């Protein structure tokens, strides 16, 4: 199954319901909800954190968190 961490720069996906327990409350409050579209914009030089756009909000997410958030990649 794909996660936010498996995206390549410019790729998009949709956050799935099955990972709701793994998403920190802070990210949920910022719009990282099931059904939200996520796009990977940049990766920091040491591969952590990941800079993403989720429903128009720009967030930096640590890789250890991004690995736990499952997505369905847009084709």
N, C-alpha and C. Protein backbone atom coordinates (compact mmCIF):
# COMPACT_ATOMS: atom_id res chain seq x y z
N UNK A 1 0.84 -1.18 0.00
CA UNK A 1 0.00 0.00 0.00
C UNK A 1 0.88 1.24 0.00
N UNK A 2 0.48 2.27 -0.69
CA UNK A 2 1.26 3.50 -0.82
C UNK A 2 1.07 4.39 0.40
N UNK A 3 2.10 5.14 0.71
CA UNK A 3 2.05 6.13 1.79
C UNK A 3 2.50 7.48 1.25
N UNK A 4 2.35 8.52 2.04
CA UNK A 4 2.82 9.84 1.63
C UNK A 4 4.33 9.78 1.36
N UNK A 5 5.05 9.01 2.15
CA UNK A 5 6.50 8.91 1.98
C UNK A 5 6.90 8.25 0.67
N UNK A 6 6.00 7.50 0.04
CA UNK A 6 6.33 6.82 -1.22
C UNK A 6 6.07 7.67 -2.45
N UNK A 7 5.49 8.87 -2.25
CA UNK A 7 5.23 9.76 -3.39
C UNK A 7 6.53 10.32 -3.95
N UNK A 8 6.53 10.59 -5.24
CA UNK A 8 7.62 11.31 -5.89
C UNK A 8 7.20 12.77 -5.97
N UNK A 9 8.16 13.67 -6.10
CA UNK A 9 7.85 15.10 -6.17
C UNK A 9 6.88 15.36 -7.32
N UNK A 10 5.78 16.05 -7.02
CA UNK A 10 4.76 16.37 -8.01
C UNK A 10 3.62 15.38 -8.06
N UNK A 11 3.78 14.20 -7.46
CA UNK A 11 2.70 13.21 -7.45
C UNK A 11 1.64 13.58 -6.42
N UNK A 12 0.41 13.11 -6.70
CA UNK A 12 -0.71 13.37 -5.81
C UNK A 12 -1.36 12.07 -5.39
N UNK A 13 -2.05 12.12 -4.26
CA UNK A 13 -2.79 10.97 -3.78
C UNK A 13 -3.92 11.43 -2.88
N UNK A 14 -4.75 10.48 -2.47
CA UNK A 14 -5.88 10.73 -1.59
C UNK A 14 -5.65 9.96 -0.29
N UNK A 15 -5.78 10.65 0.85
CA UNK A 15 -5.59 10.01 2.15
C UNK A 15 -6.72 9.01 2.38
N UNK A 16 -6.38 7.81 2.81
CA UNK A 16 -7.36 6.74 3.03
C UNK A 16 -7.85 6.70 4.47
N UNK A 17 -9.02 6.08 4.66
CA UNK A 17 -9.65 5.99 5.99
C UNK A 17 -8.89 5.10 6.96
N UNK A 18 -8.24 4.05 6.46
CA UNK A 18 -7.67 3.03 7.34
C UNK A 18 -6.50 3.51 8.18
N UNK A 19 -5.97 4.69 7.92
CA UNK A 19 -4.81 5.19 8.67
C UNK A 19 -5.19 6.26 9.67
N UNK A 20 -6.46 6.47 9.92
CA UNK A 20 -6.93 7.55 10.77
C UNK A 20 -6.29 7.51 12.16
N UNK A 21 -6.10 6.32 12.72
CA UNK A 21 -5.50 6.20 14.05
C UNK A 21 -4.02 6.58 14.07
N UNK A 22 -3.36 6.54 12.90
CA UNK A 22 -1.92 6.84 12.83
C UNK A 22 -1.63 8.32 12.59
N UNK A 23 -2.64 9.10 12.27
CA UNK A 23 -2.43 10.52 11.97
C UNK A 23 -2.49 11.31 13.27
N UNK A 24 -1.42 12.06 13.59
CA UNK A 24 -1.45 12.86 14.82
C UNK A 24 -2.57 13.90 14.78
N UNK A 25 -3.12 14.22 15.94
CA UNK A 25 -4.23 15.17 16.06
C UNK A 25 -3.89 16.51 15.42
N UNK A 26 -2.66 16.95 15.58
CA UNK A 26 -2.24 18.23 15.01
C UNK A 26 -2.42 18.25 13.48
N UNK A 27 -2.08 17.14 12.81
CA UNK A 27 -2.25 17.06 11.36
C UNK A 27 -3.72 16.99 10.97
N UNK A 28 -4.51 16.29 11.77
CA UNK A 28 -5.95 16.22 11.50
C UNK A 28 -6.57 17.61 11.56
N UNK A 29 -6.16 18.39 12.54
CA UNK A 29 -6.68 19.75 12.68
C UNK A 29 -6.27 20.65 11.51
N UNK A 30 -5.15 20.33 10.87
CA UNK A 30 -4.68 21.14 9.73
C UNK A 30 -5.21 20.64 8.39
N UNK A 31 -6.10 19.65 8.41
CA UNK A 31 -6.75 19.22 7.19
C UNK A 31 -6.29 17.90 6.61
N UNK A 32 -5.42 17.20 7.29
CA UNK A 32 -4.95 15.89 6.80
C UNK A 32 -5.98 14.83 7.20
N UNK A 33 -7.12 14.88 6.54
CA UNK A 33 -8.24 13.99 6.85
C UNK A 33 -8.43 12.97 5.73
N UNK A 34 -9.07 11.84 6.03
CA UNK A 34 -9.38 10.90 4.97
C UNK A 34 -10.18 11.57 3.86
N UNK A 35 -9.79 11.31 2.62
CA UNK A 35 -10.44 11.92 1.47
C UNK A 35 -9.73 13.17 0.98
N UNK A 36 -8.79 13.68 1.75
CA UNK A 36 -8.06 14.89 1.36
C UNK A 36 -7.00 14.56 0.31
N UNK A 37 -6.84 15.48 -0.64
CA UNK A 37 -5.81 15.29 -1.67
C UNK A 37 -4.48 15.81 -1.13
N UNK A 38 -3.43 15.03 -1.32
CA UNK A 38 -2.09 15.40 -0.87
C UNK A 38 -1.13 15.38 -2.06
N UNK A 39 -0.28 16.39 -2.14
CA UNK A 39 0.73 16.47 -3.20
C UNK A 39 2.09 16.72 -2.56
N UNK A 40 3.08 15.93 -2.97
CA UNK A 40 4.44 16.12 -2.47
C UNK A 40 5.10 17.22 -3.28
N UNK A 41 5.54 18.27 -2.59
CA UNK A 41 6.15 19.42 -3.26
C UNK A 41 7.67 19.39 -3.21
N UNK A 42 8.24 19.08 -2.05
CA UNK A 42 9.69 19.06 -1.88
C UNK A 42 10.08 18.05 -0.83
N UNK A 43 11.34 17.63 -0.91
CA UNK A 43 11.93 16.77 0.11
C UNK A 43 13.18 17.47 0.61
N UNK A 44 13.34 17.57 1.91
CA UNK A 44 14.52 18.22 2.49
C UNK A 44 15.79 17.46 2.09
N UNK A 45 16.95 18.12 2.14
CA UNK A 45 18.19 17.50 1.69
C UNK A 45 18.52 16.14 2.31
N UNK A 46 18.17 15.92 3.56
CA UNK A 46 18.46 14.63 4.20
C UNK A 46 17.23 13.72 4.23
N UNK A 47 16.30 13.95 3.30
CA UNK A 47 15.06 13.16 3.13
C UNK A 47 14.09 13.28 4.30
N UNK A 48 14.23 14.29 5.11
CA UNK A 48 13.31 14.48 6.23
C UNK A 48 13.37 15.94 6.65
N UNK A 49 12.30 16.68 6.69
CA UNK A 49 10.90 16.34 6.49
C UNK A 49 10.47 16.43 5.03
N UNK A 50 9.22 16.09 4.79
CA UNK A 50 8.61 16.18 3.47
C UNK A 50 7.69 17.40 3.47
N UNK A 51 7.75 18.18 2.40
CA UNK A 51 6.91 19.38 2.28
C UNK A 51 5.76 19.03 1.35
N UNK A 52 4.52 19.09 1.88
CA UNK A 52 3.35 18.66 1.13
C UNK A 52 2.27 19.74 1.13
N UNK A 53 1.36 19.62 0.18
CA UNK A 53 0.17 20.46 0.12
C UNK A 53 -1.02 19.54 0.32
N UNK A 54 -1.79 19.79 1.37
CA UNK A 54 -2.98 18.99 1.66
C UNK A 54 -4.18 19.91 1.65
N UNK A 55 -5.03 19.76 0.63
CA UNK A 55 -6.24 20.59 0.48
C UNK A 55 -5.93 22.08 0.60
N UNK A 56 -4.85 22.52 -0.02
CA UNK A 56 -4.51 23.94 -0.02
C UNK A 56 -3.67 24.40 1.15
N UNK A 57 -3.41 23.54 2.13
CA UNK A 57 -2.56 23.87 3.27
C UNK A 57 -1.17 23.29 3.04
N UNK A 58 -0.15 24.09 3.26
CA UNK A 58 1.23 23.64 3.07
C UNK A 58 1.80 23.21 4.41
N UNK A 59 2.27 21.96 4.47
CA UNK A 59 2.76 21.38 5.71
C UNK A 59 4.10 20.70 5.51
N UNK A 60 4.91 20.70 6.56
CA UNK A 60 6.13 19.89 6.59
C UNK A 60 5.83 18.72 7.52
N UNK A 61 5.98 17.51 7.01
CA UNK A 61 5.66 16.30 7.77
C UNK A 61 6.93 15.47 7.92
N UNK A 62 7.20 15.03 9.13
CA UNK A 62 8.36 14.16 9.35
C UNK A 62 8.15 12.84 8.62
N UNK A 63 9.23 12.26 8.15
CA UNK A 63 9.13 11.04 7.36
C UNK A 63 8.53 9.89 8.18
N UNK A 64 8.85 9.81 9.45
CA UNK A 64 8.31 8.73 10.28
C UNK A 64 6.79 8.82 10.39
N UNK A 65 6.24 10.01 10.30
CA UNK A 65 4.78 10.18 10.29
C UNK A 65 4.22 9.90 8.90
N UNK A 66 4.90 10.38 7.86
CA UNK A 66 4.44 10.20 6.48
C UNK A 66 4.36 8.72 6.09
N UNK A 67 5.21 7.90 6.67
CA UNK A 67 5.21 6.45 6.36
C UNK A 67 3.94 5.79 6.89
N UNK A 68 3.32 6.36 7.90
CA UNK A 68 2.13 5.76 8.52
C UNK A 68 0.82 6.20 7.87
N UNK A 69 0.86 7.22 7.00
CA UNK A 69 -0.37 7.74 6.39
C UNK A 69 -0.54 7.12 5.00
N UNK A 70 -1.49 6.21 4.88
CA UNK A 70 -1.71 5.51 3.61
C UNK A 70 -2.53 6.37 2.66
N UNK A 71 -2.22 6.22 1.38
CA UNK A 71 -2.90 7.00 0.34
C UNK A 71 -3.21 6.09 -0.85
N UNK A 72 -4.11 6.58 -1.68
CA UNK A 72 -4.37 5.97 -3.01
C UNK A 72 -3.79 6.96 -4.00
N UNK A 73 -2.79 6.54 -4.77
CA UNK A 73 -2.16 7.44 -5.73
C UNK A 73 -3.10 7.78 -6.86
N UNK A 74 -3.06 9.05 -7.29
CA UNK A 74 -3.81 9.47 -8.47
C UNK A 74 -3.04 9.03 -9.70
N UNK A 75 -3.74 8.52 -10.67
CA UNK A 75 -3.08 8.06 -11.89
C UNK A 75 -2.97 9.18 -12.90
